[in-house]
Amino acid sequence: MHSIVIKSAKPFVVIPVEEYESMKETLALLAANVNLPKELEEQRRRIAKGESITWREFKTKYKVK
């Protein structure tokens, strides 16, 4: 990312469109599930402990088709 200062002295950030779209998708996911950050942290902790679930269990829990 690059910061550019214009004559008004207000900085702005220039990023690739792909990165911007990715950021928007991430925000949409977080907004759709307010518990997601907490759930992700819990899963990271479980992975670090060597715990995991099967793909079938994941699909059932998160209603993935």
Protein backbone atom coordinates (compact mmCIF):
# COMPACT_ATOMS: atom_id res chain seq x y z
CA MET A 1 0.00 0.00 0.00
CA HIS A 2 1.13 3.51 -0.70
CA SER A 3 0.17 6.71 1.09
CA ILE A 4 -0.14 9.86 -0.97
CA VAL A 5 -0.64 13.36 0.41
CA ILE A 6 -2.56 15.78 -1.79
CA LYS A 7 -2.51 19.58 -1.56
CA SER A 8 -5.27 19.55 1.03
CA ALA A 9 -2.89 17.54 3.26
CA LYS A 10 -5.48 14.80 3.63
CA PRO A 11 -3.82 11.42 3.10
CA PHE A 12 -5.42 8.58 1.17
CA VAL A 13 -4.41 5.01 0.43
CA VAL A 14 -4.02 3.42 -2.99
CA ILE A 15 -4.48 -0.35 -3.09
CA PRO A 16 -5.07 -2.87 -5.88
CA VAL A 17 -8.73 -3.47 -6.74
CA GLU A 18 -8.38 -7.16 -5.85
CA GLU A 19 -7.22 -6.27 -2.34
CA TYR A 20 -10.07 -3.78 -1.94
CA GLU A 21 -12.62 -6.40 -3.04
CA SER A 22 -11.10 -8.91 -0.63
CA MET A 23 -11.37 -6.41 2.22
CA LYS A 24 -15.04 -5.77 1.37
CA GLU A 25 -15.76 -9.51 1.37
CA THR A 26 -14.05 -9.90 4.75
CA LEU A 27 -16.09 -7.06 6.23
CA ALA A 28 -19.30 -8.56 4.85
CA LEU A 29 -18.49 -11.93 6.44
CA LEU A 30 -17.71 -10.30 9.77
CA ALA A 31 -20.90 -8.24 9.64
CA ALA A 32 -22.99 -11.31 8.81
CA ASN A 33 -21.70 -13.26 11.81
CA VAL A 34 -20.73 -11.14 14.82
CA ASN A 35 -19.42 -14.27 16.55
CA LEU A 36 -17.01 -15.12 13.72
CA PRO A 37 -13.86 -13.57 15.27
CA LYS A 38 -14.51 -15.43 18.53
CA GLU A 39 -15.20 -18.68 16.66
CA LEU A 40 -12.02 -18.31 14.59
CA GLU A 41 -9.93 -17.76 17.70
CA GLU A 42 -11.48 -20.83 19.31
CA GLN A 43 -10.68 -22.91 16.23
CA ARG A 44 -7.09 -21.64 16.15
CA ARG A 45 -6.74 -22.69 19.78
CA ARG A 46 -8.16 -26.14 19.01
CA ILE A 47 -5.84 -26.58 16.03
CA ALA A 48 -2.86 -25.59 18.16
CA LYS A 49 -3.89 -28.31 20.63
CA GLY A 50 -4.14 -30.85 17.81
CA GLU A 51 -7.93 -30.96 17.88
CA SER A 52 -9.95 -30.90 14.68
CA ILE A 53 -13.27 -31.89 13.14
CA THR A 54 -14.05 -33.80 9.97
CA TRP A 55 -15.24 -32.10 6.80
CA ARG A 56 -18.64 -33.76 7.31
CA GLU A 57 -18.88 -32.34 10.86
CA PHE A 58 -17.88 -28.91 9.56
CA LYS A 59 -20.52 -29.01 6.81
CA THR A 60 -23.21 -30.02 9.30
CA LYS A 61 -22.24 -27.40 11.87
CA TYR A 62 -22.00 -24.52 9.38
CA LYS A 63 -24.74 -25.72 7.00
CA VAL A 64 -22.36 -25.99 4.03
CA LYS A 65 -23.73 -27.73 0.94
